[in-house]
């Protein structure tokens, strides 16, 4: 049995920052994540994607942000159970929570912080016949290492921020040729990114195909993807030789076991009280993208704020007989365990 002060379910950026804020209050943390490494989506899905809304960082790669968070929490010696999914929660006779994983590992603490991001998720795949035959052989739904596209002919499908951001990134000296395919002529992305795509396409830096979609895939003699069939609303179908196709239609989130933990759920998110981000079950909190409340914004920096307030409440629950006076790190510094 792993005993700690706070069990954190989810080792993404919000879960990691919780360790730091808890450590300032001398609370120990243990993190559980189904992924084999810490970092959540930032490590698993887009480690090389730039993030622009982290304070003091005009631009930081998602993977680098995780490295800095790991460096920041190192003095507080958090424990990790990685590659195992939190499955069951129960309370023992002393009122502490027992969390057991898919591998049977048991954890015990008076407080649980759910920082599971979108929960369990999988990419939304387009309904193209034979698509699965090329997964891992020219068809990718997640960009982990952009260097594999160096000098390649790449087609990206989608109209959201991820599709446009990656199209711009790969067109900037990485891929030999980038084509962005979108079913409409309007986009669900940041206006600045949309304008950059339009400008780059007009200058010949990338190909933009709107009112179009990929409807077919064909392989070469080596079994890898070699050609796409693209249907245009007015011009009909045409063939395009490619090395990689990246459909970026977002993720389909699923709460997984969290949905069976007797928590109040609304639209695949856990309802919380914004006073301290506690759920309807006393002692269980939810922070980051996994929670919902009026005015919720799914931003990493908002999750950091939620984690800060949450640990203050957790301290009072763990030490009801102690008073906690807010001490600024500029005065006290960071005192390691």
Protein backbone atom coordinates (compact mmCIF):
# COMPACT_ATOMS: atom_id res chain seq x y z
CA UNK A 1 0.00 0.00 0.00
CA UNK A 2 1.42 3.36 -1.06
CA UNK A 3 0.59 5.98 1.61
CA UNK A 4 0.71 9.69 0.83
CA UNK A 5 -1.09 12.97 1.60
CA UNK A 6 -2.61 13.57 -1.85
CA UNK A 7 -3.19 11.02 -4.58
CA UNK A 8 -3.10 12.85 -7.92
CA UNK A 9 -4.83 11.03 -10.76
CA UNK A 10 -3.23 12.34 -13.92
CA UNK A 11 0.39 13.37 -14.42
CA UNK A 12 -0.17 16.14 -16.95
CA UNK A 13 0.91 19.75 -16.36
CA UNK A 14 -1.85 20.49 -13.83
CA UNK A 15 -1.16 17.32 -11.88
CA UNK A 16 2.56 18.07 -11.82
CA UNK A 17 2.09 21.67 -10.69
CA UNK A 18 -0.13 20.39 -7.85
CA UNK A 19 2.96 18.65 -6.47
CA UNK A 20 4.77 21.98 -6.25
CA UNK A 21 1.92 23.83 -4.54
CA UNK A 22 1.35 20.93 -2.15
CA UNK A 23 5.06 20.73 -1.40
CA UNK A 24 5.09 24.34 -0.27
CA UNK A 25 2.61 23.23 2.40
CA UNK A 26 4.70 20.16 3.27
CA UNK A 27 2.15 17.81 1.74
CA UNK A 28 3.44 14.75 -0.10
CA UNK A 29 1.96 13.60 -3.40
CA UNK A 30 1.81 10.43 -5.46
CA UNK A 31 0.69 10.55 -9.10
CA UNK A 32 -1.09 7.84 -11.09
CA UNK A 33 -1.27 7.93 -14.89
CA UNK A 34 -2.23 5.41 -17.55
CA UNK A 35 0.50 6.74 -19.82
CA UNK A 36 4.03 5.31 -19.43
CA UNK A 37 5.59 8.72 -18.76
CA UNK A 38 4.66 11.94 -16.99
CA UNK A 39 3.35 14.88 -19.00
CA UNK A 40 -0.08 13.82 -20.21
CA UNK A 41 -1.03 15.05 -23.67
CA UNK A 42 1.95 17.44 -23.69
CA UNK A 43 4.32 14.46 -23.73
CA UNK A 44 2.22 11.84 -25.50
CA UNK A 45 0.48 13.81 -28.24
CA UNK A 46 2.25 17.07 -29.03
CA UNK A 47 5.66 17.35 -27.27
CA UNK A 48 7.03 19.53 -30.09
CA UNK A 49 4.00 21.82 -30.33
CA UNK A 50 4.63 25.41 -29.20
CA UNK A 51 2.45 26.83 -26.42
CA UNK A 52 2.04 30.60 -26.22
CA UNK A 53 -0.07 31.31 -23.11
CA UNK A 54 2.23 30.22 -20.28
CA UNK A 55 3.23 33.28 -18.19
CA UNK A 56 6.85 34.41 -18.73
CA UNK A 57 7.22 32.13 -21.77
CA UNK A 58 6.50 33.95 -25.05
CA UNK A 59 6.75 30.47 -26.58
CA UNK A 60 7.54 27.07 -25.06
CA UNK A 61 7.35 23.59 -26.55
CA UNK A 62 4.92 21.32 -24.70
CA UNK A 63 7.65 18.79 -23.98
CA UNK A 64 9.97 21.48 -22.63
CA UNK A 65 7.19 22.75 -20.35
CA UNK A 66 6.91 19.28 -18.84
CA UNK A 67 10.68 19.12 -18.33
CA UNK A 68 10.59 22.42 -16.45
CA UNK A 69 7.66 21.26 -14.30
CA UNK A 70 9.51 18.05 -13.45
CA UNK A 71 12.54 20.12 -12.49
CA UNK A 72 10.36 22.40 -10.36
CA UNK A 73 8.76 19.55 -8.38
CA UNK A 74 11.91 17.45 -7.95
CA UNK A 75 12.69 18.90 -4.46
CA UNK A 76 9.36 17.52 -3.20
CA UNK A 77 10.13 13.92 -4.23
CA UNK A 78 6.74 12.89 -5.67
CA UNK A 79 5.96 9.23 -6.26
CA UNK A 80 4.73 7.92 -9.61
CA UNK A 81 2.66 4.94 -10.67
CA UNK A 82 2.84 5.13 -14.47
CA UNK A 83 1.39 2.88 -17.14
CA UNK A 84 -1.48 1.96 -14.84
CA UNK A 85 -5.00 3.37 -14.90
CA UNK A 86 -6.81 4.36 -11.70
CA UNK A 87 -9.80 1.99 -11.63
CA UNK A 88 -11.44 1.78 -8.21
CA UNK A 89 -11.94 4.14 -5.29
CA UNK A 90 -13.22 3.20 -1.86
CA UNK A 91 -13.01 4.52 1.68
CA UNK A 92 -11.51 2.59 4.58
CA UNK A 93 -12.61 2.52 8.20
CA UNK A 94 -10.46 5.55 8.99
CA UNK A 95 -12.06 7.69 6.28
CA UNK A 96 -9.07 7.58 3.94
CA UNK A 97 -9.39 6.84 0.23
CA UNK A 98 -7.99 3.69 -1.33
CA UNK A 99 -7.26 3.93 -5.04
CA UNK A 100 -6.48 0.71 -6.93
CA UNK A 101 -5.11 0.64 -10.45
CA UNK A 102 -5.66 -1.64 -13.42
CA UNK A 103 -2.56 -3.56 -12.27
CA UNK A 104 -3.80 -3.90 -8.70
CA UNK A 105 -1.45 -1.31 -7.18
CA UNK A 106 -3.09 0.18 -4.08
CA UNK A 107 -2.68 3.77 -2.89
CA UNK A 108 -4.01 5.38 0.29
CA UNK A 109 -4.51 9.07 1.15
CA UNK A 110 -6.99 11.41 2.84
CA UNK A 111 -7.30 13.50 -0.34
CA UNK A 112 -7.65 12.74 -4.04
CA UNK A 113 -7.02 15.28 -6.80
CA UNK A 114 -8.32 14.25 -10.22
CA UNK A 115 -6.22 15.97 -12.87
CA UNK A 116 -7.00 13.59 -15.70
CA UNK A 117 -7.19 16.12 -18.54
CA UNK A 118 -9.71 14.90 -21.09
CA UNK A 119 -9.83 11.51 -19.40
CA UNK A 120 -9.29 8.50 -21.63
CA UNK A 121 -9.20 9.66 -25.23
CA UNK A 122 -8.68 8.44 -28.77
CA UNK A 123 -8.36 10.32 -32.06
CA UNK A 124 -11.43 10.83 -34.22
CA UNK A 125 -10.77 8.84 -37.39
CA UNK A 126 -12.30 9.72 -40.77
CA UNK A 127 -14.55 7.04 -42.34
CA UNK A 128 -12.15 6.10 -45.15
CA UNK A 129 -12.07 2.50 -46.37
CA UNK A 130 -8.74 0.76 -45.79
CA UNK A 131 -7.48 3.49 -43.48
CA UNK A 132 -6.35 1.08 -40.76
CA UNK A 133 -3.98 -0.66 -43.22
CA UNK A 134 -1.79 2.46 -43.31
CA UNK A 135 -1.84 3.44 -39.65
CA UNK A 136 1.81 3.64 -38.68
CA UNK A 137 2.76 3.34 -42.36
CA UNK A 138 2.05 6.86 -43.55
CA UNK A 139 -1.12 7.67 -41.61
CA UNK A 140 -0.68 9.31 -38.20
CA UNK A 141 -3.25 10.91 -35.93
CA UNK A 142 -0.73 12.40 -33.51
CA UNK A 143 2.51 14.24 -34.26
CA UNK A 144 5.12 13.22 -31.72
CA UNK A 145 8.36 13.77 -33.62
CA UNK A 146 8.17 16.32 -36.46
CA UNK A 147 11.57 15.30 -37.81
CA UNK A 148 10.06 12.19 -39.45
CA UNK A 149 8.38 14.56 -41.91
CA UNK A 150 11.63 16.22 -42.97
CA UNK A 151 11.78 16.33 -46.75
CA UNK A 152 8.44 14.50 -47.08
CA UNK A 153 5.16 15.27 -48.85
CA UNK A 154 2.60 15.78 -46.11
CA UNK A 155 -1.18 16.24 -46.19
CA UNK A 156 -2.95 17.51 -43.07
CA UNK A 157 -6.74 17.36 -42.77
CA UNK A 158 -8.70 19.54 -40.37
CA UNK A 159 -9.72 23.10 -39.64
CA UNK A 160 -8.91 23.55 -35.96
CA UNK A 161 -5.94 25.05 -34.14
CA UNK A 162 -3.96 21.82 -34.15
CA UNK A 163 -4.29 21.30 -37.92
CA UNK A 164 -3.31 24.88 -38.76
CA UNK A 165 -0.50 25.08 -36.21
CA UNK A 166 1.11 21.89 -37.47
CA UNK A 167 0.64 22.87 -41.12
CA UNK A 168 2.48 26.13 -40.44
CA UNK A 169 5.18 24.38 -38.45
CA UNK A 170 5.90 21.68 -41.04
CA UNK A 171 5.78 24.17 -43.91
CA UNK A 172 8.47 26.21 -42.22
CA UNK A 173 11.49 24.30 -43.50
CA UNK A 174 10.54 20.81 -42.29
CA UNK A 175 8.45 19.04 -44.93
CA UNK A 176 9.20 19.27 -48.64
CA UNK A 177 5.54 19.90 -49.42
CA UNK A 178 2.55 20.60 -47.16
CA UNK A 179 -1.10 20.46 -48.17
CA UNK A 180 -3.91 21.47 -45.82
CA UNK A 181 -7.30 19.96 -46.67
CA UNK A 182 -10.48 21.28 -45.06
CA UNK A 183 -14.14 20.59 -45.75
CA UNK A 184 -15.11 24.26 -45.44
CA UNK A 185 -13.62 27.64 -46.23
CA UNK A 186 -13.99 28.82 -42.62
CA UNK A 187 -11.81 27.58 -39.79
CA UNK A 188 -12.21 26.84 -36.08
CA UNK A 189 -8.79 28.21 -35.26
CA UNK A 190 -7.23 31.37 -33.89
CA UNK A 191 -7.68 34.24 -36.43
CA UNK A 192 -3.94 34.91 -36.44
CA UNK A 193 -3.20 31.30 -37.45
CA UNK A 194 -5.87 31.42 -40.15
CA UNK A 195 -4.35 34.57 -41.65
CA UNK A 196 -0.87 33.06 -41.58
CA UNK A 197 -2.13 30.00 -43.48
CA UNK A 198 -3.90 32.14 -46.05
CA UNK A 199 -0.82 34.31 -46.53
CA UNK A 200 1.54 31.35 -46.80
CA UNK A 201 -0.73 29.60 -49.29
CA UNK A 202 -0.98 32.76 -51.39
CA UNK A 203 2.81 33.01 -51.41
CA UNK A 204 3.18 29.41 -52.56
CA UNK A 205 4.64 28.16 -49.28
CA UNK A 206 1.93 25.52 -48.89
CA UNK A 207 -1.12 24.20 -50.72
CA UNK A 208 -4.57 24.97 -49.28
CA UNK A 209 -7.59 22.95 -50.41
CA UNK A 210 -10.93 24.03 -48.98
CA UNK A 211 -14.36 22.51 -49.66
CA UNK A 212 -12.43 19.26 -50.01
CA UNK A 213 -11.88 16.02 -48.12
CA UNK A 214 -9.84 12.84 -48.39
CA UNK A 215 -12.05 9.93 -49.47
CA UNK A 216 -9.50 7.27 -50.42
CA UNK A 217 -6.05 5.88 -49.58
CA UNK A 218 -3.71 3.80 -51.73
CA UNK A 219 -0.37 2.18 -50.99
CA UNK A 220 2.84 1.62 -52.87
CA UNK A 221 4.80 -1.56 -53.47
CA UNK A 222 6.28 -1.35 -49.97
CA UNK A 223 2.84 -1.31 -48.35
CA UNK A 224 3.18 2.27 -47.14
CA UNK A 225 0.84 5.12 -48.02
CA UNK A 226 1.57 6.50 -51.49
CA UNK A 227 -1.54 8.27 -52.73
CA UNK A 228 -4.69 10.00 -51.52
CA UNK A 229 -7.97 10.49 -53.33
CA UNK A 230 -9.27 13.97 -52.58
CA UNK A 231 -12.79 14.99 -53.46
CA UNK A 232 -13.39 18.68 -54.13
CA UNK A 233 -16.89 20.12 -53.92
CA UNK A 234 -16.74 21.66 -57.43
CA UNK A 235 -13.82 19.98 -59.18
CA UNK A 236 -14.60 16.39 -58.25
CA UNK A 237 -12.04 13.74 -57.28
CA UNK A 238 -8.30 13.88 -57.93
CA UNK A 239 -5.23 11.90 -56.89
CA UNK A 240 -2.34 13.31 -54.88
CA UNK A 241 0.96 11.53 -54.27
CA UNK A 242 1.98 11.74 -50.62
CA UNK A 243 4.28 10.26 -48.01
CA UNK A 244 2.16 11.06 -44.95
CA UNK A 245 -1.46 11.89 -44.18
CA UNK A 246 -2.27 13.40 -40.79
CA UNK A 247 -6.03 13.65 -40.07
CA UNK A 248 -6.39 16.07 -37.15
CA UNK A 249 -10.08 15.99 -36.28
CA UNK A 250 -9.61 16.18 -32.55
CA UNK A 251 -9.90 13.66 -29.75
CA UNK A 252 -12.94 11.77 -28.58
CA UNK A 253 -12.74 12.02 -24.78
CA UNK A 254 -14.10 9.34 -22.49
CA UNK A 255 -14.18 9.58 -18.73
CA UNK A 256 -13.40 5.89 -18.34
CA UNK A 257 -13.55 4.61 -14.73
CA UNK A 258 -14.03 8.15 -13.38
CA UNK A 259 -17.63 7.97 -14.55
CA UNK A 260 -18.31 5.21 -12.01
CA UNK A 261 -16.97 7.01 -8.95
CA UNK A 262 -20.32 8.55 -7.87
CA UNK A 263 -19.24 12.03 -8.90
CA UNK A 264 -21.58 14.58 -10.41
CA UNK A 265 -20.88 14.54 -14.15
CA UNK A 266 -21.95 17.06 -16.78
CA UNK A 267 -21.05 16.59 -20.46
CA UNK A 268 -18.11 14.28 -19.76
CA UNK A 269 -16.65 16.58 -17.11
CA UNK A 270 -16.68 16.52 -13.31
CA UNK A 271 -18.70 19.24 -11.59
CA UNK A 272 -16.81 21.19 -8.90
CA UNK A 273 -17.32 24.04 -6.46
CA UNK A 274 -15.12 26.97 -7.52
CA UNK A 275 -14.43 27.82 -3.88
CA UNK A 276 -11.83 25.02 -3.75
CA UNK A 277 -12.58 22.80 -6.80
CA UNK A 278 -13.99 20.06 -4.62
CA UNK A 279 -16.45 17.59 -6.13
CA UNK A 280 -19.70 16.44 -4.56
CA UNK A 281 -17.65 13.83 -2.67
CA UNK A 282 -15.80 15.55 0.21
CA UNK A 283 -12.07 15.01 -0.09
CA UNK A 284 -12.11 14.42 -3.84
CA UNK A 285 -11.13 17.42 -5.97
CA UNK A 286 -10.95 17.87 -9.75
CA UNK A 287 -8.70 20.35 -11.54
CA UNK A 288 -7.78 21.14 -15.14
CA UNK A 289 -9.65 20.03 -18.25
CA UNK A 290 -11.44 17.22 -16.40
CA UNK A 291 -13.65 19.61 -14.39
CA UNK A 292 -16.50 21.94 -15.27
CA UNK A 293 -18.12 24.99 -13.71
CA UNK A 294 -19.75 28.20 -14.97
CA UNK A 295 -17.20 30.20 -16.95
CA UNK A 296 -14.74 27.29 -17.25
CA UNK A 297 -11.80 27.82 -19.63
CA UNK A 298 -9.75 24.80 -20.66
CA UNK A 299 -6.33 26.41 -20.40
CA UNK A 300 -3.23 25.10 -18.66
CA UNK A 301 -2.79 28.35 -16.75
CA UNK A 302 -6.36 28.06 -15.40
CA UNK A 303 -5.53 24.55 -14.19
CA UNK A 304 -2.50 25.94 -12.37
CA UNK A 305 -4.76 28.43 -10.58
CA UNK A 306 -7.23 25.68 -9.65
CA UNK A 307 -4.41 23.52 -8.26
CA UNK A 308 -3.19 26.39 -6.07
CA UNK A 309 -6.57 26.91 -4.42
CA UNK A 310 -7.25 23.19 -4.18
CA UNK A 311 -4.17 22.39 -2.09
CA UNK A 312 -5.07 25.14 0.39
CA UNK A 313 -8.37 23.35 1.00
CA UNK A 314 -6.63 19.96 1.06
CA UNK A 315 -4.27 21.19 3.80
CA UNK A 316 -7.21 22.14 6.03
CA UNK A 317 -8.78 18.74 5.45
CA UNK A 318 -5.56 16.86 6.21
CA UNK A 319 -4.58 19.08 9.18
CA UNK A 320 -7.84 20.44 10.65
CA UNK A 321 -6.03 21.40 13.87
CA UNK A 322 -3.36 23.49 12.15
CA UNK A 323 -3.59 27.02 10.85
CA UNK A 324 -2.03 27.78 7.50
CA UNK A 325 -0.79 31.30 6.86
CA UNK A 326 0.04 32.06 3.23
CA UNK A 327 3.80 32.48 2.91
CA UNK A 328 5.23 33.95 -0.25
CA UNK A 329 8.03 32.03 -1.95
CA UNK A 330 9.80 35.37 -2.46
CA UNK A 331 10.16 35.50 1.34
CA UNK A 332 10.52 31.86 2.37
CA UNK A 333 12.00 30.37 -0.80
CA UNK A 334 11.33 26.72 -1.68
CA UNK A 335 12.22 24.34 1.13
CA UNK A 336 12.73 20.80 -0.14
CA UNK A 337 11.74 17.65 1.72
